[in-house]
Amino acid sequence: MTTQTSLTNVTNYLPMNKHIRLIGVSVGLAISLLLMQINTAQAQKVSISRNFQPNPLTLTGTSGGAVRSNCGNLAATPNHIIEIKEPLRLNFSVAGAGEPTLLIEGPAGRFCSLSDSYSGGKSEISGYWIPGDYTVHVGQSSQSRSNYTLSISQPKK
């Protein structure tokens, strides 16, 4: 009789344990989705059109992250999203402690700039940008994280 009671207890325990695991997975999935939304919400979106003011436009944030790439250590989500409304000639320049990197991806392609001792700790990308949304990642050559200032300017005519 004792053996039968033990088997009954084990049998009763297993379905409950599966239910608890299912709830744990559901809660874990919900938390992951919430964190993804929070990370996406952290990306600052800015729209730019001809003769924008102020020129330069300055944005700030924290560089670096856990994702290793050929453009430094980046955050999993972009630091900024830049919407360019019309074709423009622009200069993107990031300055900060350490060795900041700059990765811009969008309709015009994927561009990376690494800072070095010759650039005075700045990463810059200049060019003619077609309309569309561009993700901007500000990374670090090392695994550190630092405050940065991103300047976006339109050359004077």
C-alpha atoms as a PDB file:
ATOM      1  CA  MET A   1       0.000   0.000   0.000  1.00  0.00           C
ATOM      2  CA  THR A   2       2.855   2.365   0.730  1.00  0.00           C
ATOM      3  CA  THR A   3       4.254   1.794  -2.776  1.00  0.00           C
ATOM      4  CA  GLN A   4       0.871   2.584  -4.300  1.00  0.00           C
ATOM      5  CA  THR A   5       0.634   5.841  -2.342  1.00  0.00           C
ATOM      6  CA  SER A   6       4.148   6.836  -3.491  1.00  0.00           C
ATOM      7  CA  LEU A   7       3.246   6.214  -7.132  1.00  0.00           C
ATOM      8  CA  THR A   8       0.059   8.225  -6.727  1.00  0.00           C
ATOM      9  CA  ASN A   9       2.037  11.100  -5.221  1.00  0.00           C
ATOM     10  CA  VAL A  10       4.551  10.990  -8.085  1.00  0.00           C
ATOM     11  CA  THR A  11       1.750  10.788 -10.666  1.00  0.00           C
ATOM     12  CA  ASN A  12      -0.004  13.756  -9.098  1.00  0.00           C
ATOM     13  CA  TYR A  13       3.265  15.700  -8.967  1.00  0.00           C
ATOM     14  CA  LEU A  14       4.219  15.297 -12.647  1.00  0.00           C
ATOM     15  CA  PRO A  15       1.229  17.080 -14.251  1.00  0.00           C
ATOM     16  CA  MET A  16       1.582  19.951 -11.794  1.00  0.00           C
ATOM     17  CA  ASN A  17       5.304  20.182 -12.524  1.00  0.00           C
ATOM     18  CA  LYS A  18       4.597  20.360 -16.285  1.00  0.00           C
ATOM     19  CA  HIS A  19       2.043  23.096 -15.625  1.00  0.00           C
ATOM     20  CA  ILE A  20       4.547  25.078 -13.573  1.00  0.00           C
ATOM     21  CA  ARG A  21       7.163  24.700 -16.321  1.00  0.00           C
ATOM     22  CA  LEU A  22       4.637  25.888 -18.918  1.00  0.00           C
ATOM     23  CA  ILE A  23       3.833  28.953 -16.811  1.00  0.00           C
ATOM     24  CA  GLY A  24       7.576  29.585 -16.344  1.00  0.00           C
ATOM     25  CA  VAL A  25       8.155  29.436 -20.115  1.00  0.00           C
ATOM     26  CA  SER A  26       5.185  31.738 -20.747  1.00  0.00           C
ATOM     27  CA  VAL A  27       6.397  34.255 -18.164  1.00  0.00           C
ATOM     28  CA  GLY A  28       9.933  34.057 -19.591  1.00  0.00           C
ATOM     29  CA  LEU A  29       8.647  34.648 -23.119  1.00  0.00           C
ATOM     30  CA  ALA A  30       6.537  37.592 -21.967  1.00  0.00           C
ATOM     31  CA  ILE A  31       9.520  39.154 -20.198  1.00  0.00           C
ATOM     32  CA  SER A  32      11.717  38.673 -23.301  1.00  0.00           C
ATOM     33  CA  LEU A  33       9.125  40.332 -25.534  1.00  0.00           C
ATOM     34  CA  LEU A  34       8.758  43.200 -23.074  1.00  0.00           C
ATOM     35  CA  LEU A  35      12.530  43.728 -22.984  1.00  0.00           C
ATOM     36  CA  MET A  36      12.654  43.726 -26.797  1.00  0.00           C
ATOM     37  CA  GLN A  37       9.987  46.455 -26.846  1.00  0.00           C
ATOM     38  CA  ILE A  38      11.873  48.469 -24.238  1.00  0.00           C
ATOM     39  CA  ASN A  39      15.121  48.164 -26.242  1.00  0.00           C
ATOM     40  CA  THR A  40      13.367  49.212 -29.447  1.00  0.00           C
ATOM     41  CA  ALA A  41      11.788  52.127 -27.616  1.00  0.00           C
ATOM     42  CA  GLN A  42      15.243  53.289 -26.518  1.00  0.00           C
ATOM     43  CA  ALA A  43      16.270  54.017 -30.105  1.00  0.00           C
ATOM     44  CA  GLN A  44      15.767  57.745 -30.584  1.00  0.00           C
ATOM     45  CA  LYS A  45      14.134  58.563 -33.960  1.00  0.00           C
ATOM     46  CA  VAL A  46      14.890  61.896 -35.592  1.00  0.00           C
ATOM     47  CA  SER A  47      13.641  63.233 -38.949  1.00  0.00           C
ATOM     48  CA  ILE A  48      15.936  65.379 -41.087  1.00  0.00           C
ATOM     49  CA  SER A  49      15.160  67.452 -44.170  1.00  0.00           C
ATOM     50  CA  ARG A  50      17.003  70.194 -46.070  1.00  0.00           C
ATOM     51  CA  ASN A  51      18.130  73.200 -43.989  1.00  0.00           C
ATOM     52  CA  PHE A  52      17.337  71.474 -40.690  1.00  0.00           C
ATOM     53  CA  GLN A  53      18.016  73.401 -37.494  1.00  0.00           C
ATOM     54  CA  PRO A  54      20.062  73.387 -35.394  1.00  0.00           C
ATOM     55  CA  ASN A  55      22.967  72.604 -37.707  1.00  0.00           C
ATOM     56  CA  PRO A  56      24.755  70.602 -36.395  1.00  0.00           C
ATOM     57  CA  LEU A  57      22.104  68.518 -34.720  1.00  0.00           C
ATOM     58  CA  THR A  58      23.566  66.827 -31.621  1.00  0.00           C
ATOM     59  CA  LEU A  59      22.346  63.606 -30.030  1.00  0.00           C
ATOM     60  CA  THR A  60      23.794  61.859 -26.985  1.00  0.00           C
ATOM     61  CA  GLY A  61      23.832  58.372 -25.555  1.00  0.00           C
ATOM     62  CA  THR A  62      25.969  55.521 -24.270  1.00  0.00           C
ATOM     63  CA  SER A  63      28.242  53.689 -26.705  1.00  0.00           C
ATOM     64  CA  GLY A  64      29.229  50.055 -26.694  1.00  0.00           C
ATOM     65  CA  GLY A  65      27.408  46.823 -26.052  1.00  0.00           C
ATOM     66  CA  ALA A  66      27.608  43.046 -25.965  1.00  0.00           C
ATOM     67  CA  VAL A  67      27.354  42.376 -29.725  1.00  0.00           C
ATOM     68  CA  ARG A  68      30.778  41.957 -31.298  1.00  0.00           C
ATOM     69  CA  SER A  69      31.001  43.032 -34.932  1.00  0.00           C
ATOM     70  CA  ASN A  70      33.552  44.189 -37.484  1.00  0.00           C
ATOM     71  CA  CYS A  71      32.485  47.699 -36.427  1.00  0.00           C
ATOM     72  CA  GLY A  72      33.253  47.306 -32.725  1.00  0.00           C
ATOM     73  CA  ASN A  73      31.157  46.222 -29.769  1.00  0.00           C
ATOM     74  CA  LEU A  74      27.564  47.377 -30.302  1.00  0.00           C
ATOM     75  CA  ALA A  75      24.244  47.298 -28.492  1.00  0.00           C
ATOM     76  CA  ALA A  76      21.697  44.800 -29.825  1.00  0.00           C
ATOM     77  CA  THR A  77      19.424  47.658 -30.899  1.00  0.00           C
ATOM     78  CA  PRO A  78      20.378  50.915 -32.618  1.00  0.00           C
ATOM     79  CA  ASN A  79      21.131  54.015 -30.572  1.00  0.00           C
ATOM     80  CA  HIS A  80      19.260  56.226 -33.045  1.00  0.00           C
ATOM     81  CA  ILE A  81      17.047  55.960 -36.100  1.00  0.00           C
ATOM     82  CA  ILE A  82      17.497  58.813 -38.552  1.00  0.00           C
ATOM     83  CA  GLU A  83      14.756  59.418 -41.095  1.00  0.00           C
ATOM     84  CA  ILE A  84      16.142  61.342 -44.048  1.00  0.00           C
ATOM     85  CA  LYS A  85      13.205  62.943 -45.864  1.00  0.00           C
ATOM     86  CA  GLU A  86      14.993  63.988 -49.090  1.00  0.00           C
ATOM     87  CA  PRO A  87      18.401  63.486 -50.740  1.00  0.00           C
ATOM     88  CA  LEU A  88      21.001  65.298 -48.608  1.00  0.00           C
ATOM     89  CA  ARG A  89      24.732  65.679 -48.191  1.00  0.00           C
ATOM     90  CA  LEU A  90      25.408  65.007 -44.497  1.00  0.00           C
ATOM     91  CA  ASN A  91      28.290  64.478 -42.103  1.00  0.00           C
ATOM     92  CA  PHE A  92      27.881  62.116 -39.127  1.00  0.00           C
ATOM     93  CA  SER A  93      30.542  62.529 -36.444  1.00  0.00           C
ATOM     94  CA  VAL A  94      30.710  60.817 -33.055  1.00  0.00           C
ATOM     95  CA  ALA A  95      33.037  61.802 -30.217  1.00  0.00           C
ATOM     96  CA  GLY A  96      33.401  60.292 -26.783  1.00  0.00           C
ATOM     97  CA  ALA A  97      35.708  58.549 -24.369  1.00  0.00           C
ATOM     98  CA  GLY A  98      37.561  55.443 -25.459  1.00  0.00           C
ATOM     99  CA  GLU A  99      37.554  54.595 -29.154  1.00  0.00           C
ATOM    100  CA  PRO A 100      33.997  55.101 -30.431  1.00  0.00           C
ATOM    101  CA  THR A 101      32.833  53.381 -33.605  1.00  0.00           C
ATOM    102  CA  LEU A 102      30.008  54.420 -35.911  1.00  0.00           C
ATOM    103  CA  LEU A 103      27.814  52.029 -37.903  1.00  0.00           C
ATOM    104  CA  ILE A 104      25.065  53.405 -40.166  1.00  0.00           C
ATOM    105  CA  GLU A 105      22.744  51.075 -42.094  1.00  0.00           C
ATOM    106  CA  GLY A 106      19.943  52.020 -44.453  1.00  0.00           C
ATOM    107  CA  PRO A 107      18.825  52.323 -48.073  1.00  0.00           C
ATOM    108  CA  ALA A 108      22.205  53.729 -49.166  1.00  0.00           C
ATOM    109  CA  GLY A 109      24.105  50.748 -47.704  1.00  0.00           C
ATOM    110  CA  ARG A 110      26.105  49.788 -44.629  1.00  0.00           C
ATOM    111  CA  PHE A 111      28.892  52.120 -43.499  1.00  0.00           C
ATOM    112  CA  CYS A 112      31.368  51.726 -40.635  1.00  0.00           C
ATOM    113  CA  SER A 113      33.947  54.111 -39.184  1.00  0.00           C
ATOM    114  CA  LEU A 114      36.494  53.233 -36.494  1.00  0.00           C
ATOM    115  CA  SER A 115      38.262  55.912 -34.483  1.00  0.00           C
ATOM    116  CA  ASP A 116      42.009  55.885 -34.092  1.00  0.00           C
ATOM    117  CA  SER A 117      44.780  58.074 -32.710  1.00  0.00           C
ATOM    118  CA  TYR A 118      44.886  60.103 -35.957  1.00  0.00           C
ATOM    119  CA  SER A 119      41.191  61.038 -35.796  1.00  0.00           C
ATOM    120  CA  GLY A 120      41.451  62.455 -32.290  1.00  0.00           C
ATOM    121  CA  GLY A 121      38.986  59.902 -30.923  1.00  0.00           C
ATOM    122  CA  LYS A 122      36.266  60.713 -33.479  1.00  0.00           C
ATOM    123  CA  SER A 123      34.509  58.509 -36.000  1.00  0.00           C
ATOM    124  CA  GLU A 124      33.081  60.238 -39.066  1.00  0.00           C
ATOM    125  CA  ILE A 125      31.049  59.267 -42.107  1.00  0.00           C
ATOM    126  CA  SER A 126      30.227  61.846 -44.766  1.00  0.00           C
ATOM    127  CA  GLY A 127      28.328  61.484 -47.987  1.00  0.00           C
ATOM    128  CA  TYR A 128      25.227  61.908 -50.063  1.00  0.00           C
ATOM    129  CA  TRP A 129      22.288  60.175 -48.377  1.00  0.00           C
ATOM    130  CA  ILE A 130      19.125  59.058 -50.173  1.00  0.00           C
ATOM    131  CA  PRO A 131      15.729  59.246 -48.406  1.00  0.00           C
ATOM    132  CA  GLY A 132      14.802  56.547 -45.918  1.00  0.00           C
ATOM    133  CA  ASP A 133      15.334  55.293 -42.387  1.00  0.00           C
ATOM    134  CA  TYR A 134      18.911  54.723 -41.213  1.00  0.00           C
ATOM    135  CA  THR A 135      19.857  52.880 -38.039  1.00  0.00           C
ATOM    136  CA  VAL A 136      22.817  54.347 -36.189  1.00  0.00           C
ATOM    137  CA  HIS A 137      24.862  52.221 -33.779  1.00  0.00           C
ATOM    138  CA  VAL A 138      27.555  53.885 -31.689  1.00  0.00           C
ATOM    139  CA  GLY A 139      29.955  51.224 -30.447  1.00  0.00           C
ATOM    140  CA  GLN A 140      33.362  50.884 -28.850  1.00  0.00           C
ATOM    141  CA  SER A 141      36.525  49.217 -30.115  1.00  0.00           C
ATOM    142  CA  SER A 142      36.942  47.757 -26.601  1.00  0.00           C
ATOM    143  CA  GLN A 143      34.281  46.163 -24.421  1.00  0.00           C
ATOM    144  CA  SER A 144      33.789  49.370 -22.429  1.00  0.00           C
ATOM    145  CA  ARG A 145      30.738  51.637 -22.483  1.00  0.00           C
ATOM    146  CA  SER A 146      31.038  55.438 -22.586  1.00  0.00           C
ATOM    147  CA  ASN A 147      28.961  58.542 -23.091  1.00  0.00           C
ATOM    148  CA  TYR A 148      29.118  60.021 -26.591  1.00  0.00           C
ATOM    149  CA  THR A 149      27.901  62.959 -28.656  1.00  0.00           C
ATOM    150  CA  LEU A 150      26.727  62.338 -32.215  1.00  0.00           C
ATOM    151  CA  SER A 151      26.741  65.416 -34.471  1.00  0.00           C
ATOM    152  CA  ILE A 152      24.845  65.439 -37.758  1.00  0.00           C
ATOM    153  CA  SER A 153      25.605  68.403 -39.969  1.00  0.00           C
ATOM    154  CA  GLN A 154      24.748  69.653 -43.441  1.00  0.00           C
ATOM    155  CA  PRO A 155      27.651  71.425 -45.164  1.00  0.00           C
ATOM    156  CA  LYS A 156      27.213  75.122 -45.830  1.00  0.00           C
ATOM    157  CA  LYS A 157      26.801  75.976 -49.499  1.00  0.00           C
END
